[in-house]
Amino acid sequence: MTYSRWLHLCVPTLMLAVWMFIEPRTPWVPLLIVIPLGLVPWVRLAEGLQARFLLTPNDQDAADSSISTAASARWSDRWRTLLWLEIRLVVSIAAMMPTVLLPVMTVELTALALGQPLNADPLLPFVPPRWAAALLAPVPLILLIVIVILLGEVITVFARRLLGPSAAERLTALEARTEQLLERTRIARELHDSIGHALTVAVVQAGAARAAGDPEFTDRALSTIEETGRAALEDLERVLLVLRESAQPPSQRPTLAEADRLLESARASGAAVDAQLTGPLEKLPGPVTREGYRILQEALTNVLRHCGSVPVRVRIEMTADRLDLEVANPLPERPTVMSGSGSGLRGMRERAALLGGEAETGPHEGSWRVRARLPLDRIR
C-alpha cells in the first residue's frame, strides 16, 4: 500500500514536469490549470477511482468505501473536487523534492564510503569521514520511506474528506441498503410460509395415509401432496429468480382469490374447515390480497403442525375500507407449543404492519385465534 500511495503522489508531478520544460520560471501555473478541470463532473469520478485503487486498495471493492466513485452531481461536489486537485498537486510537489534529493544523497554517501571523490556541488550539507559515510548511507532512504508514509496518510485523509460520499450519496446508499434488507426479509417470509406449508401438508398427509391403510385414501393423500408440492416449487422458483436478479419475469404470487386451494389442502389433511368468504375478494388491491393469502396460509399451517385434524373456522370479509381475516381452532392439549414468539406468527404481524394494519395471535374464548385487519383506503 505504501508503494501505491507513493505512485499516487508522483502522478501529478508529470504535469508539473511537462510545464517546467515549457516555462520553468512559472511553476505555479499548474495550480491554475486544474481549476477548470475540477468543475468538470466526470473528473471527480476519475479521481475517485484512482484514489480508491491507489490510496485504499484494501477496501476498493467494499460497498461502504470511504471514497466515492460517482461524478459530481452538485456544485458542492465540484468545489470539493477542485479543492482536492489543488491539495493533491501541492502535496505531490512536497513529495517530489525528497524523492529526487534523498536517493542522490545516499549515492554520495556510498561514494564517500568507497573512497571516491564527490562532484563540485554535492547535495550533502557536510562531508563526513569514510566510516561515518558508511553508517549514514541508508539514512536518506529510511527518511524517504518515512516521508512517503506520512504524506501518503495525509493525502488519504484529504481524499476521504473531499472525495468521500456527499450527504445525498450517503442517503441514496442507505435507502438502497434498506430496500435490500426489506427484500431479504420478504423473501425469507415467503420461503417460510410457502415451503413450511407444503412440508406440513406432506407430513400430515403421509402420516394419515400410513395410519389409514386405505388405498383410496392413500391416492387422495398423494394427490394432495403432489398439488401442494407443485405450488411450493412454483413459489420457490419465483423466489430464486428474484435472488438471481434474472431478467425473466417471476410467476405471479398467489392471492386470496385462490384461497380455496389452501382450504381444500387443509381439508385433505384431515382438518374440518368451516370457511366463510364474503365480498369480491378478486377486487382486492394487489398488496392486500397477496399478504392476506400468506397470512391465511401460515395460520392453516400452524393448525396442521401443532393441532392436527381439528375443526378450523375461517372467516374472510371484505368491506368498503378494510379486509378482515380470522382463523380459529381449539387450543391444543399442550398450549405452550403455540406461543406468540415463533417466526411464522411474527411474520404475520409484520405483513399486516407493512400495510398499515394489525394482526393478533393468541388464545381467545377457549380457542387459538389469528385475526388480521388490513386497511384498503391507504393502499388505494
Protein backbone atom coordinates (compact mmCIF):
# COMPACT_ATOMS: atom_id res chain seq x y z
CA MET A 1 0.00 0.00 0.00
CA THR A 2 2.94 2.35 0.67
CA TYR A 3 4.17 1.81 -2.89
CA SER A 4 0.74 2.51 -4.41
CA ARG A 5 0.38 5.69 -2.35
CA TRP A 6 3.84 6.82 -3.47
CA LEU A 7 2.76 6.21 -7.06
CA HIS A 8 -0.37 8.29 -6.43
CA LEU A 9 1.82 11.13 -5.14
CA CYS A 10 4.04 11.00 -8.22
CA VAL A 11 1.27 11.14 -10.85
CA PRO A 12 0.55 14.93 -10.64
CA THR A 13 4.25 15.71 -10.91
CA LEU A 14 4.13 14.54 -14.53
CA MET A 15 2.06 17.59 -15.43
CA LEU A 16 4.43 19.80 -13.45
CA ALA A 17 7.47 18.26 -15.20
CA VAL A 18 5.92 18.91 -18.63
CA TRP A 19 5.18 22.51 -17.68
CA MET A 20 8.71 23.05 -16.39
CA PHE A 21 10.01 22.18 -19.86
CA ILE A 22 7.62 24.76 -21.34
CA GLU A 23 8.07 27.62 -18.88
CA PRO A 24 10.35 26.87 -15.90
CA ARG A 25 10.02 30.39 -14.50
CA THR A 26 6.31 29.96 -13.60
CA PRO A 27 5.98 26.69 -11.64
CA TRP A 28 2.72 27.93 -10.07
CA VAL A 29 0.75 27.86 -13.35
CA PRO A 30 -0.37 24.18 -12.96
CA LEU A 31 -2.31 25.32 -9.89
CA LEU A 32 -4.40 27.49 -12.24
CA ILE A 33 -4.69 24.83 -14.94
CA VAL A 34 -6.52 22.40 -12.63
CA ILE A 35 -9.25 24.95 -11.75
CA PRO A 36 -11.46 24.33 -14.83
CA LEU A 37 -10.77 20.58 -14.54
CA GLY A 38 -12.23 20.49 -11.04
CA LEU A 39 -15.54 21.86 -12.34
CA VAL A 40 -15.98 19.03 -14.86
CA PRO A 41 -18.32 16.39 -13.32
CA TRP A 42 -16.51 13.27 -14.58
CA VAL A 43 -13.18 14.42 -13.11
CA ARG A 44 -14.48 13.53 -9.65
CA LEU A 45 -15.29 10.04 -10.94
CA ALA A 46 -11.76 9.62 -12.37
CA GLU A 47 -10.11 10.98 -9.21
CA GLY A 48 -12.27 8.77 -7.00
CA LEU A 49 -11.38 5.63 -8.96
CA GLN A 50 -7.68 6.47 -8.88
CA ALA A 51 -7.72 7.33 -5.17
CA ARG A 52 -9.66 4.21 -4.24
CA PHE A 53 -7.33 1.99 -6.29
CA LEU A 54 -4.03 3.53 -5.12
CA LEU A 55 -4.75 5.03 -1.68
CA THR A 56 -7.20 2.49 -0.22
CA PRO A 57 -6.65 -0.72 -2.21
CA ASN A 58 -7.82 -2.90 0.68
CA ASP A 59 -11.39 -1.60 0.59
CA GLN A 60 -11.79 -0.70 -3.08
CA ASP A 61 -14.48 -3.39 -3.52
CA ALA A 62 -16.29 -2.59 -0.29
CA ALA A 63 -19.87 -1.39 -0.63
CA ASP A 64 -19.32 1.27 2.06
CA SER A 65 -15.98 2.60 0.82
CA SER A 66 -14.96 5.97 2.22
CA ILE A 67 -14.09 7.28 -1.28
CA SER A 68 -16.88 7.86 -3.78
CA THR A 69 -16.70 6.82 -7.43
CA ALA A 70 -19.50 8.97 -8.77
CA ALA A 71 -19.43 12.05 -10.96
CA SER A 72 -20.17 15.44 -9.46
CA ALA A 73 -23.91 15.87 -9.16
CA ARG A 74 -23.96 19.20 -7.35
CA TRP A 75 -21.82 22.32 -7.26
CA SER A 76 -20.68 21.41 -3.76
CA ASP A 77 -19.15 18.23 -5.20
CA ARG A 78 -17.38 20.27 -7.89
CA TRP A 79 -15.88 22.69 -5.38
CA ARG A 80 -14.70 19.79 -3.23
CA THR A 81 -13.11 18.21 -6.31
CA LEU A 82 -11.37 21.48 -7.18
CA LEU A 83 -10.00 21.79 -3.65
CA TRP A 84 -8.84 18.17 -3.83
CA LEU A 85 -6.93 18.79 -7.07
CA GLU A 86 -5.15 21.80 -5.61
CA ILE A 87 -4.21 19.99 -2.40
CA ARG A 88 -3.10 16.90 -4.31
CA LEU A 89 -0.82 18.98 -6.51
CA VAL A 90 0.75 20.77 -3.54
CA VAL A 91 1.33 17.54 -1.60
CA SER A 92 2.77 15.91 -4.71
CA ILE A 93 5.26 18.76 -5.12
CA ALA A 94 6.19 18.34 -1.47
CA ALA A 95 6.78 14.64 -2.07
CA MET A 96 8.74 15.15 -5.29
CA MET A 97 11.67 17.01 -3.69
CA PRO A 98 12.72 14.31 -1.19
CA THR A 99 12.00 11.61 -3.79
CA VAL A 100 14.69 13.15 -6.02
CA LEU A 101 17.17 14.51 -3.46
CA LEU A 102 17.36 11.80 -0.80
CA PRO A 103 18.39 8.94 -3.13
CA VAL A 104 21.12 11.21 -4.55
CA MET A 105 22.42 11.78 -1.01
CA THR A 106 22.56 8.03 -0.48
CA VAL A 107 24.62 7.71 -3.67
CA GLU A 108 27.00 10.44 -2.48
CA LEU A 109 27.42 8.85 0.95
CA THR A 110 28.10 5.50 -0.69
CA ALA A 111 30.71 7.07 -2.92
CA LEU A 112 32.41 8.65 0.12
CA ALA A 113 32.38 5.30 1.92
CA LEU A 114 34.12 3.74 -1.10
CA GLY A 115 36.73 6.48 -1.17
CA GLN A 116 35.52 8.16 -4.37
CA PRO A 117 35.53 11.97 -4.74
CA LEU A 118 32.24 13.94 -4.84
CA ASN A 119 31.06 16.34 -7.51
CA ALA A 120 31.88 20.01 -7.32
CA ASP A 121 28.42 20.83 -5.94
CA PRO A 122 27.27 17.96 -3.69
CA LEU A 123 23.85 17.83 -2.05
CA LEU A 124 25.24 16.74 1.29
CA PRO A 125 25.27 19.61 3.81
CA PHE A 126 28.65 18.40 5.08
CA VAL A 127 31.24 15.84 4.05
CA PRO A 128 31.61 13.14 6.73
CA PRO A 129 34.60 10.80 7.07
CA ARG A 130 34.51 7.45 5.30
CA TRP A 131 33.42 5.41 8.34
CA ALA A 132 30.58 7.88 9.11
CA ALA A 133 29.51 7.94 5.45
CA ALA A 134 29.17 4.13 5.52
CA LEU A 135 26.93 4.37 8.57
CA LEU A 136 24.86 7.27 7.22
CA ALA A 137 24.34 5.88 3.70
CA PRO A 138 20.96 4.16 4.41
CA VAL A 139 19.62 7.09 6.47
CA PRO A 140 18.30 9.15 3.49
CA LEU A 141 16.43 6.11 2.13
CA ILE A 142 14.86 5.43 5.54
CA LEU A 143 13.92 9.10 5.79
CA LEU A 144 12.39 8.90 2.30
CA ILE A 145 10.23 5.92 3.31
CA VAL A 146 9.03 7.78 6.41
CA ILE A 147 8.17 10.88 4.36
CA VAL A 148 6.30 8.82 1.78
CA ILE A 149 4.32 7.04 4.51
CA LEU A 150 3.42 10.30 6.25
CA LEU A 151 2.45 12.10 3.04
CA GLY A 152 0.50 9.04 1.95
CA GLU A 153 -1.51 9.18 5.16
CA VAL A 154 -2.05 12.92 4.71
CA ILE A 155 -3.29 12.62 1.12
CA THR A 156 -5.54 9.69 2.10
CA VAL A 157 -7.18 11.77 4.83
CA PHE A 158 -7.84 14.57 2.34
CA ALA A 159 -9.19 12.07 -0.20
CA ARG A 160 -11.69 10.67 2.27
CA ARG A 161 -12.84 14.14 3.26
CA LEU A 162 -13.03 15.71 -0.21
CA LEU A 163 -13.79 12.70 -2.42
CA GLY A 164 -15.95 10.91 0.11
CA PRO A 165 -19.69 10.41 -0.48
CA SER A 166 -21.80 13.51 -0.12
CA ALA A 167 -24.84 13.61 2.14
CA ALA A 168 -27.11 12.87 -0.83
CA GLU A 169 -24.97 9.90 -1.89
CA ARG A 170 -24.94 8.50 1.64
CA LEU A 171 -28.72 8.85 1.82
CA THR A 172 -29.11 7.08 -1.53
CA ALA A 173 -26.82 4.26 -0.40
CA LEU A 174 -28.73 3.95 2.86
CA GLU A 175 -32.05 3.76 1.03
CA ALA A 176 -30.66 1.09 -1.30
CA ARG A 177 -29.36 -0.90 1.67
CA THR A 178 -32.71 -0.60 3.43
CA GLU A 179 -34.54 -1.79 0.31
CA GLN A 180 -32.17 -4.75 0.08
CA LEU A 181 -32.75 -5.73 3.70
CA LEU A 182 -36.52 -5.40 3.30
CA GLU A 183 -36.39 -7.58 0.19
CA ARG A 184 -34.37 -10.22 2.02
CA THR A 185 -36.85 -10.19 4.89
CA ARG A 186 -39.76 -10.55 2.48
CA ILE A 187 -38.08 -13.44 0.67
CA ALA A 188 -37.40 -15.17 3.99
CA ARG A 189 -41.07 -14.83 4.93
CA GLU A 190 -42.15 -16.13 1.52
CA LEU A 191 -39.95 -19.21 1.83
CA HIS A 192 -41.04 -19.83 5.41
CA ASP A 193 -44.74 -19.59 4.60
CA SER A 194 -44.76 -21.43 1.27
CA ILE A 195 -42.25 -24.22 1.89
CA GLY A 196 -43.33 -24.62 5.51
CA HIS A 197 -46.96 -25.05 4.47
CA ALA A 198 -46.06 -27.59 1.77
CA LEU A 199 -43.90 -29.67 4.10
CA THR A 200 -46.51 -29.61 6.86
CA VAL A 201 -49.24 -30.80 4.49
CA ALA A 202 -46.96 -33.51 3.09
CA VAL A 203 -46.03 -34.80 6.56
CA VAL A 204 -49.63 -34.81 7.79
CA GLN A 205 -50.94 -36.50 4.63
CA ALA A 206 -48.22 -39.15 4.61
CA GLY A 207 -48.81 -39.99 8.27
CA ALA A 208 -52.57 -40.17 7.80
CA ALA A 209 -52.25 -42.39 4.72
CA ARG A 210 -49.96 -44.81 6.50
CA ALA A 211 -52.27 -45.00 9.52
CA ALA A 212 -55.45 -45.40 7.45
CA GLY A 213 -54.29 -48.34 5.32
CA ASP A 214 -56.93 -47.46 2.74
CA PRO A 215 -55.77 -47.41 -0.92
CA GLU A 216 -58.42 -44.84 -1.90
CA PHE A 217 -57.41 -42.51 0.94
CA THR A 218 -53.74 -43.01 0.06
CA ASP A 219 -54.45 -41.96 -3.52
CA ARG A 220 -56.17 -38.80 -2.33
CA ALA A 221 -53.30 -38.07 0.06
CA LEU A 222 -50.72 -38.49 -2.68
CA SER A 223 -52.71 -36.19 -4.97
CA THR A 224 -52.81 -33.52 -2.26
CA ILE A 225 -49.08 -33.88 -1.62
CA GLU A 226 -48.40 -33.59 -5.35
CA GLU A 227 -50.54 -30.48 -5.77
CA THR A 228 -49.11 -28.79 -2.68
CA GLY A 229 -45.55 -29.66 -3.70
CA ARG A 230 -46.08 -28.29 -7.20
CA ALA A 231 -47.36 -24.99 -5.78
CA ALA A 232 -44.38 -24.82 -3.42
CA LEU A 233 -42.00 -25.41 -6.32
CA GLU A 234 -43.57 -22.52 -8.21
CA ASP A 235 -43.08 -20.26 -5.20
CA LEU A 236 -39.51 -21.47 -4.79
CA GLU A 237 -38.78 -20.81 -8.48
CA ARG A 238 -40.14 -17.29 -8.21
CA VAL A 239 -38.03 -16.53 -5.13
CA LEU A 240 -34.89 -17.94 -6.75
CA LEU A 241 -35.47 -15.76 -9.81
CA VAL A 242 -35.57 -12.72 -7.55
CA LEU A 243 -32.38 -13.78 -5.78
CA ARG A 244 -30.58 -14.31 -9.07
CA GLU A 245 -31.84 -10.96 -10.42
CA SER A 246 -32.89 -12.71 -13.58
CA ALA A 247 -34.40 -10.73 -16.43
CA GLN A 248 -37.13 -13.33 -16.74
CA PRO A 249 -40.32 -12.10 -15.02
CA PRO A 250 -41.22 -14.20 -11.95
CA SER A 251 -44.50 -16.05 -11.75
CA GLN A 252 -47.43 -14.27 -10.12
CA ARG A 253 -47.69 -14.53 -6.36
CA PRO A 254 -50.85 -16.27 -5.13
CA THR A 255 -53.79 -14.16 -3.94
CA LEU A 256 -56.87 -14.61 -1.77
CA ALA A 257 -58.82 -15.36 -4.93
CA GLU A 258 -57.03 -18.73 -4.71
CA ALA A 259 -57.92 -19.25 -1.04
CA ASP A 260 -59.97 -22.33 -1.96
CA ARG A 261 -56.72 -24.13 -2.77
CA LEU A 262 -55.49 -23.61 0.78
CA LEU A 263 -58.82 -24.61 2.28
CA GLU A 264 -59.04 -27.81 0.24
CA SER A 265 -55.46 -28.67 1.13
CA ALA A 266 -56.26 -28.29 4.84
CA ARG A 267 -59.44 -30.40 4.44
CA ALA A 268 -57.50 -33.09 2.62
CA SER A 269 -55.09 -33.17 5.55
CA GLY A 270 -57.97 -34.06 7.89
CA ALA A 271 -58.93 -30.65 9.27
CA ALA A 272 -62.66 -29.86 9.34
CA VAL A 273 -62.59 -26.39 7.79
CA ASP A 274 -65.67 -24.20 8.12
CA ALA A 275 -64.98 -21.33 5.72
CA GLN A 276 -67.00 -18.20 5.07
CA LEU A 277 -65.69 -15.82 2.40
CA THR A 278 -67.61 -12.58 1.98
CA GLY A 279 -67.14 -9.88 -0.61
CA PRO A 280 -65.47 -9.64 -4.03
CA LEU A 281 -62.04 -10.89 -2.98
CA GLU A 282 -60.83 -10.81 -6.59
CA LYS A 283 -61.09 -7.00 -6.49
CA LEU A 284 -58.75 -6.58 -3.53
CA PRO A 285 -55.65 -4.43 -4.11
CA GLY A 286 -52.58 -6.44 -5.03
CA PRO A 287 -50.55 -5.97 -1.82
CA VAL A 288 -53.53 -6.73 0.42
CA THR A 289 -54.64 -9.87 -1.40
CA ARG A 290 -51.11 -11.26 -1.62
CA GLU A 291 -50.22 -10.64 2.02
CA GLY A 292 -53.67 -11.84 3.10
CA TYR A 293 -53.05 -15.13 1.29
CA ARG A 294 -49.76 -15.62 3.12
CA ILE A 295 -51.34 -14.83 6.49
CA LEU A 296 -54.09 -17.39 5.83
CA GLN A 297 -51.50 -19.93 4.65
CA GLU A 298 -49.36 -19.53 7.76
CA ALA A 299 -52.41 -19.72 10.06
CA LEU A 300 -53.60 -23.01 8.48
CA THR A 301 -50.04 -24.37 8.52
CA ASN A 302 -49.81 -23.72 12.27
CA VAL A 303 -53.11 -25.52 12.83
CA LEU A 304 -51.95 -28.62 10.94
CA ARG A 305 -48.49 -28.55 12.51
CA HIS A 306 -49.48 -28.05 16.14
CA CYS A 307 -53.03 -29.40 16.39
CA GLY A 308 -53.52 -31.88 13.57
CA SER A 309 -57.01 -32.81 12.40
CA VAL A 310 -59.17 -30.36 14.35
CA PRO A 311 -62.12 -28.14 13.42
CA VAL A 312 -61.00 -24.84 11.93
CA ARG A 313 -63.17 -21.76 11.47
CA VAL A 314 -62.10 -19.38 8.69
CA ARG A 315 -63.78 -16.02 8.19
CA ILE A 316 -62.67 -13.64 5.42
CA GLU A 317 -64.70 -10.49 4.83
CA MET A 318 -64.03 -7.59 2.53
CA THR A 319 -65.72 -4.33 3.45
CA ALA A 320 -65.54 -0.89 1.92
CA ASP A 321 -62.44 0.16 3.90
CA ARG A 322 -60.69 -2.99 5.12
CA LEU A 323 -60.19 -6.74 4.89
CA ASP A 324 -60.93 -8.83 7.98
CA LEU A 325 -59.35 -12.28 8.20
CA GLU A 326 -59.86 -14.67 11.12
CA VAL A 327 -58.74 -18.26 11.66
CA ALA A 328 -59.72 -20.05 14.89
CA ASN A 329 -59.22 -23.60 16.15
CA PRO A 330 -59.45 -25.40 19.50
CA LEU A 331 -56.44 -24.97 21.77
CA PRO A 332 -54.07 -27.95 21.73
CA GLU A 333 -53.54 -30.11 24.78
CA ARG A 334 -50.09 -28.54 25.14
CA PRO A 335 -50.78 -24.82 24.64
CA THR A 336 -47.12 -23.92 25.03
CA VAL A 337 -46.35 -25.16 21.52
CA MET A 338 -48.37 -22.31 20.02
CA SER A 339 -46.64 -19.42 21.70
CA GLY A 340 -46.64 -15.99 20.18
CA SER A 341 -42.89 -15.82 19.68
CA GLY A 342 -42.50 -18.01 16.57
CA SER A 343 -41.11 -16.65 13.33
CA GLY A 344 -44.34 -17.50 11.49
CA LEU A 345 -46.53 -15.56 13.93
CA ARG A 346 -44.07 -12.69 13.90
CA GLY A 347 -44.13 -12.77 10.10
CA MET A 348 -47.93 -12.42 10.08
CA ARG A 349 -47.73 -9.37 12.31
CA GLU A 350 -45.00 -7.87 10.13
CA ARG A 351 -47.03 -8.41 6.95
CA ALA A 352 -50.02 -6.66 8.47
CA ALA A 353 -47.92 -3.81 9.85
CA LEU A 354 -46.33 -3.13 6.45
CA LEU A 355 -49.81 -2.49 5.05
CA GLY A 356 -50.78 -0.23 7.95
CA GLY A 357 -52.93 -2.91 9.58
CA GLU A 358 -52.60 -5.20 12.55
CA ALA A 359 -52.59 -8.93 13.29
CA GLU A 360 -53.42 -10.55 16.62
CA THR A 361 -52.44 -14.10 17.57
CA GLY A 362 -53.23 -15.90 20.81
CA PRO A 363 -55.88 -17.64 22.92
CA HIS A 364 -59.42 -16.29 22.66
CA GLU A 365 -62.51 -17.79 24.36
CA GLY A 366 -61.07 -21.29 24.52
CA SER A 367 -59.65 -21.24 21.01
CA TRP A 368 -56.45 -20.19 19.33
CA ARG A 369 -57.24 -17.27 17.05
CA VAL A 370 -55.38 -15.45 14.31
CA ARG A 371 -57.07 -12.19 13.42
CA ALA A 372 -55.83 -9.69 10.87
CA ARG A 373 -57.25 -6.35 9.80
CA LEU A 374 -55.79 -4.86 6.64
CA PRO A 375 -56.91 -1.36 5.57
CA LEU A 376 -57.84 -0.78 1.94
CA ASP A 377 -58.06 3.01 1.79
CA ARG A 378 -54.31 3.52 2.31
CA ILE A 379 -53.42 1.09 -0.47
CA ARG A 380 -55.85 2.64 -2.92
